[in-house]
Amino acid sequence: MTLTPLRVVRDQGRDLEAAERAAADFLTALGVELDSDSLAETPGRMARAYAELLSPREFRLTTFPNDEGYDELVLARAIPIRSVCEHHLLPFVGVAHVGYLPGTRILGLSKLARVVELFAHGPQVQERLTKQVADWLAEHLRPKGVGVVIEAEHLCMTLRGVRAAGASTITSTLLGELREDPRSRAEFFILAGLGQG
């Protein structure tokens, strides 16, 4: 089976003017006075910041024939992630470790980071994000195995509520041989810098 490059982009249906008005109303409702020079432009900046956080960049999935028959783990470690908690609309930030055991196709390495970015943008929960990245790679690349681990700090947990400063959350999804074969699973976790798995 030959996979052709797949162009991925999400609908950008945004109205920044309406978002700016809503941000001004929101801040005013919370008692923030917007008539000072330093705060007058805050609603616009807030609207643009959230538009950026919620909008992934377009990319083209590029795969290549695995002509050499490479059958060892391909792993991109510490891919920076930033997303927005869907429960509080506060950011969560961290890193993703994404790996796969190639089948007949291999992936352009930068695309591992692009797939993470694609699903990280938009209101999200870390558990779903982890699974979406793994499932997407399994569907579009058809590798022998996929592993995704995300480590992130959630500002909704560290800045409010319990205020557990410095706490991080780790989630993982393993598919195919990386789930079924203990040696492959252990290799993935060790190379990702996560101990013995």
C-alpha atoms as a PDB file:
ATOM      1  CA  MET A   1       0.000   0.000   0.000  1.00  0.00           C
ATOM      2  CA  THR A   2       1.383   3.399  -0.959  1.00  0.00           C
ATOM      3  CA  LEU A   3       0.482   6.408   1.097  1.00  0.00           C
ATOM      4  CA  THR A   4       0.450   9.691  -0.767  1.00  0.00           C
ATOM      5  CA  PRO A   5       1.273  12.948   0.974  1.00  0.00           C
ATOM      6  CA  LEU A   6      -1.731  14.118   2.944  1.00  0.00           C
ATOM      7  CA  ARG A   7      -2.427  17.807   3.369  1.00  0.00           C
ATOM      8  CA  VAL A   8      -3.793  18.605   6.797  1.00  0.00           C
ATOM      9  CA  VAL A   9      -5.367  21.854   7.962  1.00  0.00           C
ATOM     10  CA  ARG A  10      -8.266  22.600  10.257  1.00  0.00           C
ATOM     11  CA  ASP A  11     -11.018  25.069   9.513  1.00  0.00           C
ATOM     12  CA  GLN A  12      -9.982  28.546  10.600  1.00  0.00           C
ATOM     13  CA  GLY A  13     -13.586  29.844  11.144  1.00  0.00           C
ATOM     14  CA  ARG A  14     -12.556  32.789  13.353  1.00  0.00           C
ATOM     15  CA  ASP A  15     -13.999  36.241  13.901  1.00  0.00           C
ATOM     16  CA  LEU A  16     -11.264  38.183  15.698  1.00  0.00           C
ATOM     17  CA  GLU A  17     -13.367  41.333  16.010  1.00  0.00           C
ATOM     18  CA  ALA A  18     -16.133  39.429  17.797  1.00  0.00           C
ATOM     19  CA  ALA A  19     -13.505  37.675  19.954  1.00  0.00           C
ATOM     20  CA  GLU A  20     -12.003  41.043  20.914  1.00  0.00           C
ATOM     21  CA  ARG A  21     -15.432  42.419  21.904  1.00  0.00           C
ATOM     22  CA  ALA A  22     -16.135  39.256  23.915  1.00  0.00           C
ATOM     23  CA  ALA A  23     -12.734  39.496  25.623  1.00  0.00           C
ATOM     24  CA  ALA A  24     -13.449  43.116  26.579  1.00  0.00           C
ATOM     25  CA  ASP A  25     -16.857  42.114  27.967  1.00  0.00           C
ATOM     26  CA  PHE A  26     -15.309  39.191  29.845  1.00  0.00           C
ATOM     27  CA  LEU A  27     -12.560  41.288  31.444  1.00  0.00           C
ATOM     28  CA  THR A  28     -14.998  44.082  32.311  1.00  0.00           C
ATOM     29  CA  ALA A  29     -17.365  41.555  33.910  1.00  0.00           C
ATOM     30  CA  LEU A  30     -14.469  40.429  36.110  1.00  0.00           C
ATOM     31  CA  GLY A  31     -13.813  43.994  37.246  1.00  0.00           C
ATOM     32  CA  VAL A  32     -10.798  44.733  35.049  1.00  0.00           C
ATOM     33  CA  GLU A  33     -10.876  48.361  33.956  1.00  0.00           C
ATOM     34  CA  LEU A  34      -9.658  48.680  30.389  1.00  0.00           C
ATOM     35  CA  ASP A  35      -9.334  52.460  30.178  1.00  0.00           C
ATOM     36  CA  SER A  36      -5.617  52.702  31.027  1.00  0.00           C
ATOM     37  CA  ASP A  37      -2.967  52.837  28.304  1.00  0.00           C
ATOM     38  CA  SER A  38      -1.513  49.499  29.378  1.00  0.00           C
ATOM     39  CA  LEU A  39      -4.862  47.648  29.286  1.00  0.00           C
ATOM     40  CA  ALA A  40      -6.704  49.371  26.427  1.00  0.00           C
ATOM     41  CA  GLU A  41      -5.371  46.944  23.803  1.00  0.00           C
ATOM     42  CA  THR A  42      -5.533  43.847  26.028  1.00  0.00           C
ATOM     43  CA  PRO A  43      -8.803  42.463  24.602  1.00  0.00           C
ATOM     44  CA  GLY A  44      -7.323  42.476  21.087  1.00  0.00           C
ATOM     45  CA  ARG A  45      -4.086  40.895  22.261  1.00  0.00           C
ATOM     46  CA  MET A  46      -6.073  38.307  24.219  1.00  0.00           C
ATOM     47  CA  ALA A  47      -8.203  37.447  21.166  1.00  0.00           C
ATOM     48  CA  ARG A  48      -5.112  37.074  18.935  1.00  0.00           C
ATOM     49  CA  ALA A  49      -3.279  35.004  21.557  1.00  0.00           C
ATOM     50  CA  TYR A  50      -6.140  32.530  21.868  1.00  0.00           C
ATOM     51  CA  ALA A  51      -6.565  32.419  18.085  1.00  0.00           C
ATOM     52  CA  GLU A  52      -2.892  31.419  17.836  1.00  0.00           C
ATOM     53  CA  LEU A  53      -3.198  28.831  20.613  1.00  0.00           C
ATOM     54  CA  LEU A  54      -6.264  27.292  18.999  1.00  0.00           C
ATOM     55  CA  SER A  55      -5.093  27.214  15.338  1.00  0.00           C
ATOM     56  CA  PRO A  56      -2.590  24.646  14.009  1.00  0.00           C
ATOM     57  CA  ARG A  57      -0.416  25.388  11.017  1.00  0.00           C
ATOM     58  CA  GLU A  58      -1.075  23.601   7.765  1.00  0.00           C
ATOM     59  CA  PHE A  59       1.294  20.776   6.874  1.00  0.00           C
ATOM     60  CA  ARG A  60       1.733  18.028   4.328  1.00  0.00           C
ATOM     61  CA  LEU A  61       2.341  14.521   5.593  1.00  0.00           C
ATOM     62  CA  THR A  62       5.386  13.254   3.746  1.00  0.00           C
ATOM     63  CA  THR A  63       6.228   9.562   3.736  1.00  0.00           C
ATOM     64  CA  PHE A  64       8.956   7.726   1.862  1.00  0.00           C
ATOM     65  CA  PRO A  65       9.435   4.097   0.855  1.00  0.00           C
ATOM     66  CA  ASN A  66      11.357   2.129   3.453  1.00  0.00           C
ATOM     67  CA  ASP A  67      13.801   0.946   0.775  1.00  0.00           C
ATOM     68  CA  GLU A  68      16.425  -0.155   3.290  1.00  0.00           C
ATOM     69  CA  GLY A  69      13.918  -2.249   5.234  1.00  0.00           C
ATOM     70  CA  TYR A  70      14.714  -0.308   8.410  1.00  0.00           C
ATOM     71  CA  ASP A  71      12.963  -2.146  11.254  1.00  0.00           C
ATOM     72  CA  GLU A  72      14.268  -0.457  14.389  1.00  0.00           C
ATOM     73  CA  LEU A  73      12.609   2.209  16.483  1.00  0.00           C
ATOM     74  CA  VAL A  74      12.418   5.776  15.152  1.00  0.00           C
ATOM     75  CA  LEU A  75      11.939   8.168  18.066  1.00  0.00           C
ATOM     76  CA  ALA A  76      11.626  11.945  18.361  1.00  0.00           C
ATOM     77  CA  ARG A  77      12.193  12.950  21.974  1.00  0.00           C
ATOM     78  CA  ALA A  78      11.143  16.067  23.854  1.00  0.00           C
ATOM     79  CA  ILE A  79       8.935  17.585  21.151  1.00  0.00           C
ATOM     80  CA  PRO A  80       7.636  20.799  22.761  1.00  0.00           C
ATOM     81  CA  ILE A  81       3.866  20.923  23.149  1.00  0.00           C
ATOM     82  CA  ARG A  82       1.482  23.665  24.139  1.00  0.00           C
ATOM     83  CA  SER A  83      -2.220  23.226  24.356  1.00  0.00           C
ATOM     84  CA  VAL A  84      -5.247  24.618  26.159  1.00  0.00           C
ATOM     85  CA  CYS A  85      -7.161  22.667  28.796  1.00  0.00           C
ATOM     86  CA  GLU A  86     -10.735  22.361  27.573  1.00  0.00           C
ATOM     87  CA  HIS A  87     -12.087  22.634  31.121  1.00  0.00           C
ATOM     88  CA  HIS A  88     -10.543  26.007  32.074  1.00  0.00           C
ATOM     89  CA  LEU A  89      -9.026  27.311  28.818  1.00  0.00           C
ATOM     90  CA  LEU A  90      -5.688  27.643  30.570  1.00  0.00           C
ATOM     91  CA  PRO A  91      -2.541  26.402  28.846  1.00  0.00           C
ATOM     92  CA  PHE A  92      -0.738  23.183  29.496  1.00  0.00           C
ATOM     93  CA  VAL A  93       2.840  22.864  28.305  1.00  0.00           C
ATOM     94  CA  GLY A  94       5.370  20.087  28.153  1.00  0.00           C
ATOM     95  CA  VAL A  95       7.016  17.595  25.848  1.00  0.00           C
ATOM     96  CA  ALA A  96       5.966  14.631  23.759  1.00  0.00           C
ATOM     97  CA  HIS A  97       8.065  11.578  22.954  1.00  0.00           C
ATOM     98  CA  VAL A  98       6.819   9.961  19.752  1.00  0.00           C
ATOM     99  CA  GLY A  99       8.183   6.801  18.188  1.00  0.00           C
ATOM    100  CA  TYR A 100       7.265   4.144  15.666  1.00  0.00           C
ATOM    101  CA  LEU A 101       8.513   0.854  14.266  1.00  0.00           C
ATOM    102  CA  PRO A 102       8.501   1.309  10.480  1.00  0.00           C
ATOM    103  CA  GLY A 103       6.548  -0.852   8.087  1.00  0.00           C
ATOM    104  CA  THR A 104       6.837  -0.275   4.340  1.00  0.00           C
ATOM    105  CA  ARG A 105       6.938   3.536   4.720  1.00  0.00           C
ATOM    106  CA  ILE A 106       8.967   5.943   6.825  1.00  0.00           C
ATOM    107  CA  LEU A 107       7.959   9.441   7.833  1.00  0.00           C
ATOM    108  CA  GLY A 108       9.694  12.774   7.322  1.00  0.00           C
ATOM    109  CA  LEU A 109      11.074  13.366  10.830  1.00  0.00           C
ATOM    110  CA  SER A 110       9.690  16.878  11.241  1.00  0.00           C
ATOM    111  CA  LYS A 111       6.226  15.445  10.674  1.00  0.00           C
ATOM    112  CA  LEU A 112       6.258  13.739  14.071  1.00  0.00           C
ATOM    113  CA  ALA A 113       6.373  17.193  15.660  1.00  0.00           C
ATOM    114  CA  ARG A 114       3.764  18.497  13.195  1.00  0.00           C
ATOM    115  CA  VAL A 115       1.299  15.738  14.103  1.00  0.00           C
ATOM    116  CA  VAL A 116       1.721  16.583  17.790  1.00  0.00           C
ATOM    117  CA  GLU A 117       1.121  20.264  17.000  1.00  0.00           C
ATOM    118  CA  LEU A 118      -1.959  19.459  14.906  1.00  0.00           C
ATOM    119  CA  PHE A 119      -3.758  17.759  17.774  1.00  0.00           C
ATOM    120  CA  ALA A 120      -2.368  19.993  20.548  1.00  0.00           C
ATOM    121  CA  HIS A 121      -4.049  23.077  19.114  1.00  0.00           C
ATOM    122  CA  GLY A 122      -7.606  23.580  20.245  1.00  0.00           C
ATOM    123  CA  PRO A 123      -9.338  22.849  23.543  1.00  0.00           C
ATOM    124  CA  GLN A 124      -7.899  19.523  24.620  1.00  0.00           C
ATOM    125  CA  VAL A 125      -7.267  17.032  27.400  1.00  0.00           C
ATOM    126  CA  GLN A 126      -3.893  15.355  27.634  1.00  0.00           C
ATOM    127  CA  GLU A 127      -5.261  11.801  27.596  1.00  0.00           C
ATOM    128  CA  ARG A 128      -7.123  12.380  24.331  1.00  0.00           C
ATOM    129  CA  LEU A 129      -4.166  14.239  22.801  1.00  0.00           C
ATOM    130  CA  THR A 130      -1.861  11.285  23.499  1.00  0.00           C
ATOM    131  CA  LYS A 131      -4.258   8.807  21.908  1.00  0.00           C
ATOM    132  CA  GLN A 132      -5.068  11.026  18.925  1.00  0.00           C
ATOM    133  CA  VAL A 133      -1.383  11.351  17.972  1.00  0.00           C
ATOM    134  CA  ALA A 134      -0.832   7.589  18.240  1.00  0.00           C
ATOM    135  CA  ASP A 135      -4.022   6.653  16.390  1.00  0.00           C
ATOM    136  CA  TRP A 136      -3.350   9.163  13.605  1.00  0.00           C
ATOM    137  CA  LEU A 137       0.160   7.829  13.014  1.00  0.00           C
ATOM    138  CA  ALA A 138      -1.107   4.241  13.070  1.00  0.00           C
ATOM    139  CA  GLU A 139      -3.811   5.033  10.530  1.00  0.00           C
ATOM    140  CA  HIS A 140      -1.764   7.134   8.112  1.00  0.00           C
ATOM    141  CA  LEU A 141       1.644   5.434   8.380  1.00  0.00           C
ATOM    142  CA  ARG A 142       0.630   1.822   9.107  1.00  0.00           C
ATOM    143  CA  PRO A 143       3.761   1.071  11.151  1.00  0.00           C
ATOM    144  CA  LYS A 144       4.430  -2.117  13.104  1.00  0.00           C
ATOM    145  CA  GLY A 145       4.047  -0.146  16.324  1.00  0.00           C
ATOM    146  CA  VAL A 146       3.540   3.365  17.695  1.00  0.00           C
ATOM    147  CA  GLY A 147       4.401   4.876  21.062  1.00  0.00           C
ATOM    148  CA  VAL A 148       3.461   8.311  22.384  1.00  0.00           C
ATOM    149  CA  VAL A 149       4.248   9.685  25.839  1.00  0.00           C
ATOM    150  CA  ILE A 150       3.339  13.215  26.881  1.00  0.00           C
ATOM    151  CA  GLU A 151       4.654  14.951  30.002  1.00  0.00           C
ATOM    152  CA  ALA A 152       2.975  18.273  30.751  1.00  0.00           C
ATOM    153  CA  GLU A 153       2.334  20.874  33.402  1.00  0.00           C
ATOM    154  CA  HIS A 154      -1.272  22.044  33.531  1.00  0.00           C
ATOM    155  CA  LEU A 155      -1.692  25.647  34.631  1.00  0.00           C
ATOM    156  CA  CYS A 156      -5.263  24.850  35.660  1.00  0.00           C
ATOM    157  CA  MET A 157      -3.689  22.649  38.349  1.00  0.00           C
ATOM    158  CA  THR A 158      -0.590  24.679  39.228  1.00  0.00           C
ATOM    159  CA  LEU A 159      -1.967  28.257  39.224  1.00  0.00           C
ATOM    160  CA  ARG A 160      -5.496  27.705  40.563  1.00  0.00           C
ATOM    161  CA  GLY A 161      -7.445  25.154  42.559  1.00  0.00           C
ATOM    162  CA  VAL A 162      -5.011  22.847  44.307  1.00  0.00           C
ATOM    163  CA  ARG A 163      -2.028  25.051  43.214  1.00  0.00           C
ATOM    164  CA  ALA A 164       0.305  22.077  42.924  1.00  0.00           C
ATOM    165  CA  ALA A 165       3.271  24.057  41.580  1.00  0.00           C
ATOM    166  CA  GLY A 166       5.735  21.923  39.633  1.00  0.00           C
ATOM    167  CA  ALA A 167       3.403  18.926  39.284  1.00  0.00           C
ATOM    168  CA  SER A 168       3.421  17.242  35.891  1.00  0.00           C
ATOM    169  CA  THR A 169       1.136  14.694  34.305  1.00  0.00           C
ATOM    170  CA  ILE A 170       2.391  11.781  32.181  1.00  0.00           C
ATOM    171  CA  THR A 171       0.183   9.913  29.706  1.00  0.00           C
ATOM    172  CA  SER A 172       1.068   7.179  27.231  1.00  0.00           C
ATOM    173  CA  THR A 173      -0.436   5.268  24.348  1.00  0.00           C
ATOM    174  CA  LEU A 174       1.282   2.208  22.895  1.00  0.00           C
ATOM    175  CA  LEU A 175       0.028   0.372  19.812  1.00  0.00           C
ATOM    176  CA  GLY A 176       1.096  -2.740  17.915  1.00  0.00           C
ATOM    177  CA  GLU A 177       4.478  -4.254  18.795  1.00  0.00           C
ATOM    178  CA  LEU A 178       5.300  -1.427  21.208  1.00  0.00           C
ATOM    179  CA  ARG A 179       2.328  -2.533  23.285  1.00  0.00           C
ATOM    180  CA  GLU A 180       2.536  -6.305  22.764  1.00  0.00           C
ATOM    181  CA  ASP A 181       6.285  -6.993  22.898  1.00  0.00           C
ATOM    182  CA  PRO A 182       7.830  -6.286  26.339  1.00  0.00           C
ATOM    183  CA  ARG A 183      11.327  -5.787  24.867  1.00  0.00           C
ATOM    184  CA  SER A 184      10.109  -3.250  22.288  1.00  0.00           C
ATOM    185  CA  ARG A 185       8.065  -1.470  24.938  1.00  0.00           C
ATOM    186  CA  ALA A 186      11.062  -1.298  27.304  1.00  0.00           C
ATOM    187  CA  GLU A 187      13.311  -0.007  24.504  1.00  0.00           C
ATOM    188  CA  PHE A 188      10.819   2.756  23.703  1.00  0.00           C
ATOM    189  CA  PHE A 189      10.602   3.911  27.312  1.00  0.00           C
ATOM    190  CA  ILE A 190      14.387   3.757  27.822  1.00  0.00           C
ATOM    191  CA  LEU A 191      15.171   5.690  24.613  1.00  0.00           C
ATOM    192  CA  ALA A 192      12.472   8.219  25.521  1.00  0.00           C
ATOM    193  CA  GLY A 193      14.359   8.728  28.806  1.00  0.00           C
ATOM    194  CA  LEU A 194      11.585   7.271  30.935  1.00  0.00           C
ATOM    195  CA  GLY A 195      13.392   4.460  32.753  1.00  0.00           C
ATOM    196  CA  GLN A 196      12.653   0.781  32.376  1.00  0.00           C
ATOM    197  CA  GLY A 197       8.969   1.072  31.291  1.00  0.00           C
END
